[in-house]
PDB file of all heavy atoms in Angstrom:
ATOM      1  N   ALA A   1      11.950  41.638 -49.064  1.00  0.00           N
ATOM      2  CA  ALA A   1      12.182  43.026 -49.481  1.00  0.00           C
ATOM      3  C   ALA A   1      11.972  43.943 -48.283  1.00  0.00           C
ATOM      4  O   ALA A   1      10.985  43.811 -47.560  1.00  0.00           O
ATOM      5  CB  ALA A   1      11.235  43.412 -50.611  1.00  0.00           C
ATOM      6  N   ARG A   2      12.916  44.852 -48.077  1.00  0.00           N
ATOM      7  CA  ARG A   2      12.819  45.820 -46.984  1.00  0.00           C
ATOM      8  C   ARG A   2      13.253  47.191 -47.487  1.00  0.00           C
ATOM      9  O   ARG A   2      14.305  47.333 -48.128  1.00  0.00           O
ATOM     10  CB  ARG A   2      13.716  45.413 -45.803  1.00  0.00           C
ATOM     11  CG  ARG A   2      13.285  44.137 -45.099  1.00  0.00           C
ATOM     12  CD  ARG A   2      11.963  44.314 -44.357  1.00  0.00           C
ATOM     13  NE  ARG A   2      11.490  43.086 -43.755  1.00  0.00           N
ATOM     14  CZ  ARG A   2      10.584  42.273 -44.275  1.00  0.00           C
ATOM     15  NH1 ARG A   2      10.063  42.554 -45.452  1.00  0.00           N
ATOM     16  NH2 ARG A   2      10.197  41.184 -43.641  1.00  0.00           N
ATOM     17  N   LEU A   3      12.448  48.198 -47.177  1.00  0.00           N
ATOM     18  CA  LEU A   3      12.774  49.547 -47.623  1.00  0.00           C
ATOM     19  C   LEU A   3      14.089  50.028 -47.039  1.00  0.00           C
ATOM     20  O   LEU A   3      14.361  49.832 -45.851  1.00  0.00           O
ATOM     21  CB  LEU A   3      11.674  50.524 -47.216  1.00  0.00           C
ATOM     22  CG  LEU A   3      10.363  50.440 -48.005  1.00  0.00           C
ATOM     23  CD1 LEU A   3       9.312  51.318 -47.359  1.00  0.00           C
ATOM     24  CD2 LEU A   3      10.576  50.838 -49.457  1.00  0.00           C
ATOM     25  N   VAL A   4      14.894  50.649 -47.885  1.00  0.00           N
ATOM     26  CA  VAL A   4      16.096  51.353 -47.450  1.00  0.00           C
ATOM     27  C   VAL A   4      15.757  52.837 -47.321  1.00  0.00           C
ATOM     28  O   VAL A   4      16.070  53.477 -46.328  1.00  0.00           O
ATOM     29  CB  VAL A   4      17.251  51.149 -48.454  1.00  0.00           C
ATOM     30  CG1 VAL A   4      18.474  51.976 -48.053  1.00  0.00           C
ATOM     31  CG2 VAL A   4      17.604  49.673 -48.574  1.00  0.00           C
ATOM     32  N   LYS A   5      15.077  53.356 -48.344  1.00  0.00           N
ATOM     33  CA  LYS A   5      14.600  54.737 -48.317  1.00  0.00           C
ATOM     34  C   LYS A   5      13.223  54.766 -48.976  1.00  0.00           C
ATOM     35  O   LYS A   5      13.082  54.379 -50.145  1.00  0.00           O
ATOM     36  CB  LYS A   5      15.549  55.674 -49.057  1.00  0.00           C
ATOM     37  CG  LYS A   5      15.121  57.134 -48.985  1.00  0.00           C
ATOM     38  CD  LYS A   5      16.124  58.066 -49.635  1.00  0.00           C
ATOM     39  CE  LYS A   5      15.645  59.511 -49.526  1.00  0.00           C
ATOM     40  NZ  LYS A   5      16.551  60.427 -50.232  1.00  0.00           N
ATOM     41  N   TYR A   6      12.228  55.202 -48.210  1.00  0.00           N
ATOM     42  CA  TYR A   6      10.861  55.203 -48.712  1.00  0.00           C
ATOM     43  C   TYR A   6      10.764  55.995 -50.018  1.00  0.00           C
ATOM     44  O   TYR A   6      11.303  57.085 -50.145  1.00  0.00           O
ATOM     45  CB  TYR A   6       9.902  55.816 -47.679  1.00  0.00           C
ATOM     46  CG  TYR A   6       8.456  55.731 -48.105  1.00  0.00           C
ATOM     47  CD1 TYR A   6       7.700  54.603 -47.836  1.00  0.00           C
ATOM     48  CD2 TYR A   6       7.867  56.774 -48.822  1.00  0.00           C
ATOM     49  CE1 TYR A   6       6.380  54.504 -48.248  1.00  0.00           C
ATOM     50  CE2 TYR A   6       6.543  56.690 -49.243  1.00  0.00           C
ATOM     51  CZ  TYR A   6       5.810  55.557 -48.956  1.00  0.00           C
ATOM     52  OH  TYR A   6       4.513  55.465 -49.382  1.00  0.00           O
ATOM     53  N   GLY A   7      10.074  55.376 -50.981  1.00  0.00           N
ATOM     54  CA  GLY A   7       9.852  56.057 -52.251  1.00  0.00           C
ATOM     55  C   GLY A   7      11.045  56.081 -53.168  1.00  0.00           C
ATOM     56  O   GLY A   7      11.036  56.772 -54.189  1.00  0.00           O
ATOM     57  N   GLU A   8      12.065  55.285 -52.843  1.00  0.00           N
ATOM     58  CA  GLU A   8      13.271  55.326 -53.685  1.00  0.00           C
ATOM     59  C   GLU A   8      13.982  53.984 -53.790  1.00  0.00           C
ATOM     60  O   GLU A   8      14.250  53.500 -54.891  1.00  0.00           O
ATOM     61  CB  GLU A   8      14.246  56.378 -53.149  1.00  0.00           C
ATOM     62  CG  GLU A   8      15.457  56.579 -54.032  1.00  0.00           C
ATOM     63  CD  GLU A   8      16.393  57.644 -53.475  1.00  0.00           C
ATOM     64  OE1 GLU A   8      15.933  58.786 -53.263  1.00  0.00           O
ATOM     65  OE2 GLU A   8      17.570  57.318 -53.240  1.00  0.00           O
ATOM     66  N   THR A   9      14.316  53.370 -52.644  1.00  0.00           N
ATOM     67  CA  THR A   9      15.178  52.181 -52.657  1.00  0.00           C
ATOM     68  C   THR A   9      14.640  51.096 -51.737  1.00  0.00           C
ATOM     69  O   THR A   9      14.234  51.373 -50.608  1.00  0.00           O
ATOM     70  CB  THR A   9      16.612  52.542 -52.202  1.00  0.00           C
ATOM     71  OG1 THR A   9      17.096  53.626 -52.984  1.00  0.00           O
ATOM     72  CG2 THR A   9      17.555  51.360 -52.349  1.00  0.00           C
ATOM     73  N   VAL A  10      14.676  49.858 -52.229  1.00  0.00           N
ATOM     74  CA  VAL A  10      14.313  48.702 -51.418  1.00  0.00           C
ATOM     75  C   VAL A  10      15.424  47.656 -51.535  1.00  0.00           C
ATOM     76  O   VAL A  10      16.015  47.492 -52.599  1.00  0.00           O
ATOM     77  CB  VAL A  10      12.945  48.117 -51.860  1.00  0.00           C
ATOM     78  CG1 VAL A  10      12.997  47.561 -53.269  1.00  0.00           C
ATOM     79  CG2 VAL A  10      12.448  47.075 -50.883  1.00  0.00           C
ATOM     80  N   ARG A  11      15.746  47.016 -50.414  1.00  0.00           N
ATOM     81  CA  ARG A  11      16.716  45.916 -50.437  1.00  0.00           C
ATOM     82  C   ARG A  11      15.951  44.626 -50.666  1.00  0.00           C
ATOM     83  O   ARG A  11      15.062  44.270 -49.898  1.00  0.00           O
ATOM     84  CB  ARG A  11      17.506  45.851 -49.124  1.00  0.00           C
ATOM     85  CG  ARG A  11      18.543  44.735 -49.094  1.00  0.00           C
ATOM     86  CD  ARG A  11      19.500  44.841 -47.909  1.00  0.00           C
ATOM     87  NE  ARG A  11      20.379  45.987 -48.094  1.00  0.00           N
ATOM     88  CZ  ARG A  11      20.318  47.113 -47.378  1.00  0.00           C
ATOM     89  NH1 ARG A  11      19.423  47.241 -46.410  1.00  0.00           N
ATOM     90  NH2 ARG A  11      21.149  48.103 -47.606  1.00  0.00           N
ATOM     91  N   ALA A  12      16.287  43.915 -51.741  1.00  0.00           N
ATOM     92  CA  ALA A  12      15.614  42.665 -52.097  1.00  0.00           C
ATOM     93  C   ALA A  12      16.647  41.545 -52.135  1.00  0.00           C
ATOM     94  O   ALA A  12      17.587  41.594 -52.922  1.00  0.00           O
ATOM     95  CB  ALA A  12      14.923  42.809 -53.442  1.00  0.00           C
ATOM     96  N   VAL A  13      16.475  40.570 -51.262  1.00  0.00           N
ATOM     97  CA  VAL A  13      17.433  39.465 -51.175  1.00  0.00           C
ATOM     98  C   VAL A  13      16.681  38.138 -51.140  1.00  0.00           C
ATOM     99  O   VAL A  13      15.517  38.073 -50.761  1.00  0.00           O
ATOM    100  CB  VAL A  13      18.333  39.586 -49.921  1.00  0.00           C
ATOM    101  CG1 VAL A  13      19.185  40.839 -49.983  1.00  0.00           C
ATOM    102  CG2 VAL A  13      17.518  39.553 -48.640  1.00  0.00           C
ATOM    103  N   GLY A  14      17.371  37.074 -51.543  1.00  0.00           N
ATOM    104  CA  GLY A  14      16.796  35.740 -51.487  1.00  0.00           C
ATOM    105  C   GLY A  14      15.698  35.515 -52.508  1.00  0.00           C
ATOM    106  O   GLY A  14      14.656  34.938 -52.186  1.00  0.00           O
ATOM    107  N   TYR A  15      15.931  35.947 -53.750  1.00  0.00           N
ATOM    108  CA  TYR A  15      14.922  35.716 -54.786  1.00  0.00           C
ATOM    109  C   TYR A  15      14.675  34.214 -54.954  1.00  0.00           C
ATOM    110  O   TYR A  15      15.601  33.409 -54.911  1.00  0.00           O
ATOM    111  CB  TYR A  15      15.370  36.313 -56.124  1.00  0.00           C
ATOM    112  CG  TYR A  15      15.082  37.787 -56.245  1.00  0.00           C
ATOM    113  CD1 TYR A  15      16.008  38.732 -55.805  1.00  0.00           C
ATOM    114  CD2 TYR A  15      13.893  38.234 -56.791  1.00  0.00           C
ATOM    115  CE1 TYR A  15      15.745  40.092 -55.912  1.00  0.00           C
ATOM    116  CE2 TYR A  15      13.611  39.592 -56.912  1.00  0.00           C
ATOM    117  CZ  TYR A  15      14.541  40.518 -56.467  1.00  0.00           C
ATOM    118  OH  TYR A  15      14.269  41.860 -56.568  1.00  0.00           O
ATOM    119  N   ARG A  16      13.416  33.857 -55.133  1.00  0.00           N
ATOM    120  CA  ARG A  16      13.042  32.459 -55.303  1.00  0.00           C
ATOM    121  C   ARG A  16      13.520  31.931 -56.649  1.00  0.00           C
ATOM    122  O   ARG A  16      13.792  32.693 -57.575  1.00  0.00           O
ATOM    123  CB  ARG A  16      11.518  32.313 -55.216  1.00  0.00           C
ATOM    124  CG  ARG A  16      10.976  32.758 -53.873  1.00  0.00           C
ATOM    125  CD  ARG A  16       9.490  32.542 -53.761  1.00  0.00           C
ATOM    126  NE  ARG A  16       9.035  33.029 -52.473  1.00  0.00           N
ATOM    127  CZ  ARG A  16       9.193  32.386 -51.319  1.00  0.00           C
ATOM    128  NH1 ARG A  16       9.811  31.216 -51.307  1.00  0.00           N
ATOM    129  NH2 ARG A  16       8.770  32.907 -50.188  1.00  0.00           N
ATOM    130  N   ASP A  17      13.570  30.617 -56.762  1.00  0.00           N
ATOM    131  CA  ASP A  17      13.924  29.992 -58.038  1.00  0.00           C
ATOM    132  C   ASP A  17      12.775  30.084 -59.033  1.00  0.00           C
ATOM    133  O   ASP A  17      12.986  30.100 -60.239  1.00  0.00           O
ATOM    134  CB  ASP A  17      14.292  28.523 -57.830  1.00  0.00           C
ATOM    135  CG  ASP A  17      15.578  28.370 -57.026  1.00  0.00           C
ATOM    136  OD1 ASP A  17      16.443  29.266 -57.098  1.00  0.00           O
ATOM    137  OD2 ASP A  17      15.721  27.346 -56.328  1.00  0.00           O
ATOM    138  N   CYS A  18      11.546  30.101 -58.515  1.00  0.00           N
ATOM    139  CA  CYS A  18      10.393  30.249 -59.387  1.00  0.00           C
ATOM    140  C   CYS A  18       9.220  30.802 -58.577  1.00  0.00           C
ATOM    141  O   CYS A  18       9.240  30.781 -57.345  1.00  0.00           O
ATOM    142  CB  CYS A  18      10.013  28.925 -60.047  1.00  0.00           C
ATOM    143  SG  CYS A  18       9.227  27.748 -58.950  1.00  0.00           S
ATOM    144  N   LEU A  19       8.241  31.335 -59.289  1.00  0.00           N
ATOM    145  CA  LEU A  19       7.020  31.826 -58.672  1.00  0.00           C
ATOM    146  C   LEU A  19       5.874  30.893 -59.038  1.00  0.00           C
ATOM    147  O   LEU A  19       5.934  30.199 -60.061  1.00  0.00           O
ATOM    148  CB  LEU A  19       6.699  33.242 -59.168  1.00  0.00           C
ATOM    149  CG  LEU A  19       7.712  34.325 -58.822  1.00  0.00           C
ATOM    150  CD1 LEU A  19       7.380  35.621 -59.564  1.00  0.00           C
ATOM    151  CD2 LEU A  19       7.741  34.563 -57.325  1.00  0.00           C
ATOM    152  N   ARG A  20       4.841  30.879 -58.201  1.00  0.00           N
ATOM    153  CA  ARG A  20       3.650  30.074 -58.484  1.00  0.00           C
ATOM    154  C   ARG A  20       2.442  31.008 -58.536  1.00  0.00           C
ATOM    155  O   ARG A  20       2.261  31.834 -57.651  1.00  0.00           O
ATOM    156  CB  ARG A  20       3.471  28.996 -57.421  1.00  0.00           C
ATOM    157  CG  ARG A  20       4.537  27.932 -57.510  1.00  0.00           C
ATOM    158  CD  ARG A  20       4.374  26.873 -56.412  1.00  0.00           C
ATOM    159  NE  ARG A  20       5.320  25.798 -56.600  1.00  0.00           N
ATOM    160  CZ  ARG A  20       6.591  25.832 -56.188  1.00  0.00           C
ATOM    161  NH1 ARG A  20       7.047  26.905 -55.573  1.00  0.00           N
ATOM    162  NH2 ARG A  20       7.397  24.821 -56.399  1.00  0.00           N
ATOM    163  N   VAL A  21       1.630  30.831 -59.571  1.00  0.00           N
ATOM    164  CA  VAL A  21       0.540  31.758 -59.865  1.00  0.00           C
ATOM    165  C   VAL A  21      -0.757  30.988 -60.107  1.00  0.00           C
ATOM    166  O   VAL A  21      -0.753  29.947 -60.768  1.00  0.00           O
ATOM    167  CB  VAL A  21       0.868  32.597 -61.130  1.00  0.00           C
ATOM    168  CG1 VAL A  21      -0.264  33.540 -61.481  1.00  0.00           C
ATOM    169  CG2 VAL A  21       2.165  33.368 -60.943  1.00  0.00           C
ATOM    170  N   ALA A  22      -1.842  31.502 -59.565  1.00  0.00           N
ATOM    171  CA  ALA A  22      -3.182  30.994 -59.881  1.00  0.00           C
ATOM    172  C   ALA A  22      -4.071  32.179 -60.229  1.00  0.00           C
ATOM    173  O   ALA A  22      -3.774  33.320 -59.850  1.00  0.00           O
ATOM    174  CB  ALA A  22      -3.764  30.217 -58.707  1.00  0.00           C
ATOM    175  N   SER A  23      -5.165  31.905 -60.937  1.00  0.00           N
ATOM    176  CA  SER A  23      -6.049  32.998 -61.340  1.00  0.00           C
ATOM    177  C   SER A  23      -7.512  32.601 -61.201  1.00  0.00           C
ATOM    178  O   SER A  23      -7.868  31.428 -61.120  1.00  0.00           O
ATOM    179  CB  SER A  23      -5.770  33.410 -62.793  1.00  0.00           C
ATOM    180  OG  SER A  23      -6.223  32.411 -63.696  1.00  0.00           O
ATOM    181  N   LEU A  24      -8.339  33.612 -61.167  1.00  0.00           N
ATOM    182  CA  LEU A  24      -9.798  33.475 -61.203  1.00  0.00           C
ATOM    183  C   LEU A  24     -10.303  34.356 -62.339  1.00  0.00           C
ATOM    184  O   LEU A  24     -10.067  35.573 -62.285  1.00  0.00           O
ATOM    185  CB  LEU A  24     -10.415  33.917 -59.869  1.00  0.00           C
ATOM    186  CG  LEU A  24     -10.129  33.007 -58.681  1.00  0.00           C
ATOM    187  CD1 LEU A  24     -10.481  33.721 -57.388  1.00  0.00           C
ATOM    188  CD2 LEU A  24     -10.909  31.710 -58.810  1.00  0.00           C
ATOM    189  N   PRO A  25     -10.940  33.825 -63.363  1.00  0.00           N
ATOM    190  CA  PRO A  25     -11.148  32.419 -63.657  1.00  0.00           C
ATOM    191  C   PRO A  25      -9.823  31.685 -63.902  1.00  0.00           C
ATOM    192  O   PRO A  25      -8.851  32.275 -64.389  1.00  0.00           O
ATOM    193  CB  PRO A  25     -12.005  32.429 -64.918  1.00  0.00           C
ATOM    194  CG  PRO A  25     -12.591  33.807 -64.999  1.00  0.00           C
ATOM    195  CD  PRO A  25     -11.587  34.706 -64.345  1.00  0.00           C
ATOM    196  N   ALA A  26      -9.833  30.380 -63.601  1.00  0.00           N
ATOM    197  CA  ALA A  26      -8.606  29.576 -63.637  1.00  0.00           C
ATOM    198  C   ALA A  26      -7.982  29.493 -65.027  1.00  0.00           C
ATOM    199  O   ALA A  26      -6.761  29.335 -65.147  1.00  0.00           O
ATOM    200  CB  ALA A  26      -8.898  28.170 -63.111  1.00  0.00           C
ATOM    201  N   LYS A  27      -8.785  29.621 -66.066  1.00  0.00           N
ATOM    202  CA  LYS A  27      -8.265  29.447 -67.430  1.00  0.00           C
ATOM    203  C   LYS A  27      -7.264  30.521 -67.836  1.00  0.00           C
ATOM    204  O   LYS A  27      -6.579  30.385 -68.847  1.00  0.00           O
ATOM    205  CB  LYS A  27      -9.413  29.395 -68.434  1.00  0.00           C
ATOM    206  CG  LYS A  27     -10.197  30.698 -68.548  1.00  0.00           C
ATOM    207  CD  LYS A  27     -11.358  30.557 -69.508  1.00  0.00           C
ATOM    208  CE  LYS A  27     -12.157  31.845 -69.621  1.00  0.00           C
ATOM    209  NZ  LYS A  27     -13.302  31.685 -70.534  1.00  0.00           N
ATOM    210  N   HIS A  28      -7.144  31.596 -67.052  1.00  0.00           N
ATOM    211  CA  HIS A  28      -6.221  32.683 -67.409  1.00  0.00           C
ATOM    212  C   HIS A  28      -4.893  32.608 -66.656  1.00  0.00           C
ATOM    213  O   HIS A  28      -4.079  33.525 -66.742  1.00  0.00           O
ATOM    214  CB  HIS A  28      -6.880  34.031 -67.142  1.00  0.00           C
ATOM    215  CG  HIS A  28      -8.121  34.257 -67.938  1.00  0.00           C
ATOM    216  ND1 HIS A  28      -8.101  34.465 -69.296  1.00  0.00           N
ATOM    217  CD2 HIS A  28      -9.427  34.293 -67.568  1.00  0.00           C
ATOM    218  CE1 HIS A  28      -9.334  34.626 -69.737  1.00  0.00           C
ATOM    219  NE2 HIS A  28     -10.160  34.524 -68.706  1.00  0.00           N
ATOM    220  N   ALA A  29      -4.670  31.522 -65.932  1.00  0.00           N
ATOM    221  CA  ALA A  29      -3.453  31.419 -65.105  1.00  0.00           C
ATOM    222  C   ALA A  29      -2.179  31.507 -65.940  1.00  0.00           C
ATOM    223  O   ALA A  29      -1.206  32.150 -65.528  1.00  0.00           O
ATOM    224  CB  ALA A  29      -3.483  30.124 -64.296  1.00  0.00           C
ATOM    225  N   GLU A  30      -2.175  30.904 -67.109  1.00  0.00           N
ATOM    226  CA  GLU A  30      -0.968  30.901 -67.940  1.00  0.00           C
ATOM    227  C   GLU A  30      -0.616  32.322 -68.400  1.00  0.00           C
ATOM    228  O   GLU A  30       0.559  32.715 -68.405  1.00  0.00           O
ATOM    229  CB  GLU A  30      -1.150  29.983 -69.148  1.00  0.00           C
ATOM    230  CG  GLU A  30       0.132  29.711 -69.911  1.00  0.00           C
ATOM    231  CD  GLU A  30       1.228  29.068 -69.066  1.00  0.00           C
ATOM    232  OE1 GLU A  30       0.961  28.085 -68.369  1.00  0.00           O
ATOM    233  OE2 GLU A  30       2.373  29.589 -69.099  1.00  0.00           O
ATOM    234  N   LYS A  31      -1.624  33.084 -68.761  1.00  0.00           N
ATOM    235  CA  LYS A  31      -1.407  34.479 -69.177  1.00  0.00           C
ATOM    236  C   LYS A  31      -0.776  35.287 -68.041  1.00  0.00           C
ATOM    237  O   LYS A  31       0.182  36.036 -68.246  1.00  0.00           O
ATOM    238  CB  LYS A  31      -2.749  35.090 -69.580  1.00  0.00           C
ATOM    239  CG  LYS A  31      -2.738  36.568 -69.875  1.00  0.00           C
ATOM    240  CD  LYS A  31      -4.142  37.060 -70.201  1.00  0.00           C
ATOM    241  CE  LYS A  31      -4.165  38.542 -70.530  1.00  0.00           C
ATOM    242  NZ  LYS A  31      -5.521  38.994 -70.908  1.00  0.00           N
ATOM    243  N   CYS A  32      -1.298  35.136 -66.840  1.00  0.00           N
ATOM    244  CA  CYS A  32      -0.790  35.876 -65.680  1.00  0.00           C
ATOM    245  C   CYS A  32       0.604  35.387 -65.285  1.00  0.00           C
ATOM    246  O   CYS A  32       1.470  36.187 -64.927  1.00  0.00           O
ATOM    247  CB  CYS A  32      -1.754  35.730 -64.507  1.00  0.00           C
ATOM    248  SG  CYS A  32      -3.429  36.327 -64.887  1.00  0.00           S
ATOM    249  N   SER A  33       0.797  34.086 -65.387  1.00  0.00           N
ATOM    250  CA  SER A  33       2.102  33.496 -65.086  1.00  0.00           C
ATOM    251  C   SER A  33       3.173  34.023 -66.046  1.00  0.00           C
ATOM    252  O   SER A  33       4.287  34.354 -65.636  1.00  0.00           O
ATOM    253  CB  SER A  33       1.997  31.973 -65.181  1.00  0.00           C
ATOM    254  OG  SER A  33       3.229  31.367 -64.921  1.00  0.00           O
ATOM    255  N   SER A  34       2.829  34.126 -67.312  1.00  0.00           N
ATOM    256  CA  SER A  34       3.779  34.644 -68.314  1.00  0.00           C
ATOM    257  C   SER A  34       4.181  36.079 -68.009  1.00  0.00           C
ATOM    258  O   SER A  34       5.355  36.448 -68.145  1.00  0.00           O
ATOM    259  CB  SER A  34       3.171  34.568 -69.719  1.00  0.00           C
ATOM    260  OG  SER A  34       2.954  33.243 -70.087  1.00  0.00           O
ATOM    261  N   LEU A  35       3.215  36.898 -67.590  1.00  0.00           N
ATOM    262  CA  LEU A  35       3.520  38.292 -67.245  1.00  0.00           C
ATOM    263  C   LEU A  35       4.510  38.355 -66.087  1.00  0.00           C
ATOM    264  O   LEU A  35       5.501  39.097 -66.141  1.00  0.00           O
ATOM    265  CB  LEU A  35       2.230  39.033 -66.887  1.00  0.00           C
ATOM    266  CG  LEU A  35       2.398  40.483 -66.404  1.00  0.00           C
ATOM    267  CD1 LEU A  35       3.033  41.358 -67.477  1.00  0.00           C
ATOM    268  CD2 LEU A  35       1.050  41.050 -65.958  1.00  0.00           C
ATOM    269  N   MET A  36       4.264  37.591 -65.035  1.00  0.00           N
ATOM    270  CA  MET A  36       5.166  37.593 -63.873  1.00  0.00           C
ATOM    271  C   MET A  36       6.553  37.080 -64.246  1.00  0.00           C
ATOM    272  O   MET A  36       7.574  37.609 -63.797  1.00  0.00           O
ATOM    273  CB  MET A  36       4.590  36.742 -62.737  1.00  0.00           C
ATOM    274  CG  MET A  36       3.349  37.309 -62.088  1.00  0.00           C
ATOM    275  SD  MET A  36       3.666  38.866 -61.204  1.00  0.00           S
ATOM    276  CE  MET A  36       3.190  40.064 -62.428  1.00  0.00           C
ATOM    277  N   SER A  37       6.595  36.074 -65.099  1.00  0.00           N
ATOM    278  CA  SER A  37       7.874  35.519 -65.540  1.00  0.00           C
ATOM    279  C   SER A  37       8.698  36.558 -66.293  1.00  0.00           C
ATOM    280  O   SER A  37       9.912  36.686 -66.086  1.00  0.00           O
ATOM    281  CB  SER A  37       7.621  34.300 -66.421  1.00  0.00           C
ATOM    282  OG  SER A  37       8.833  33.713 -66.824  1.00  0.00           O
TER     283      SER A  37
END
């Protein structure tokens, strides 16, 4: 991601196929992963 115009537009290219998430405490990783998804 690179800004095109600060406070308005960003160029985002090459989105990943998936994200990887971990949490502290570890038992909440699924909740956080679901939000990002």
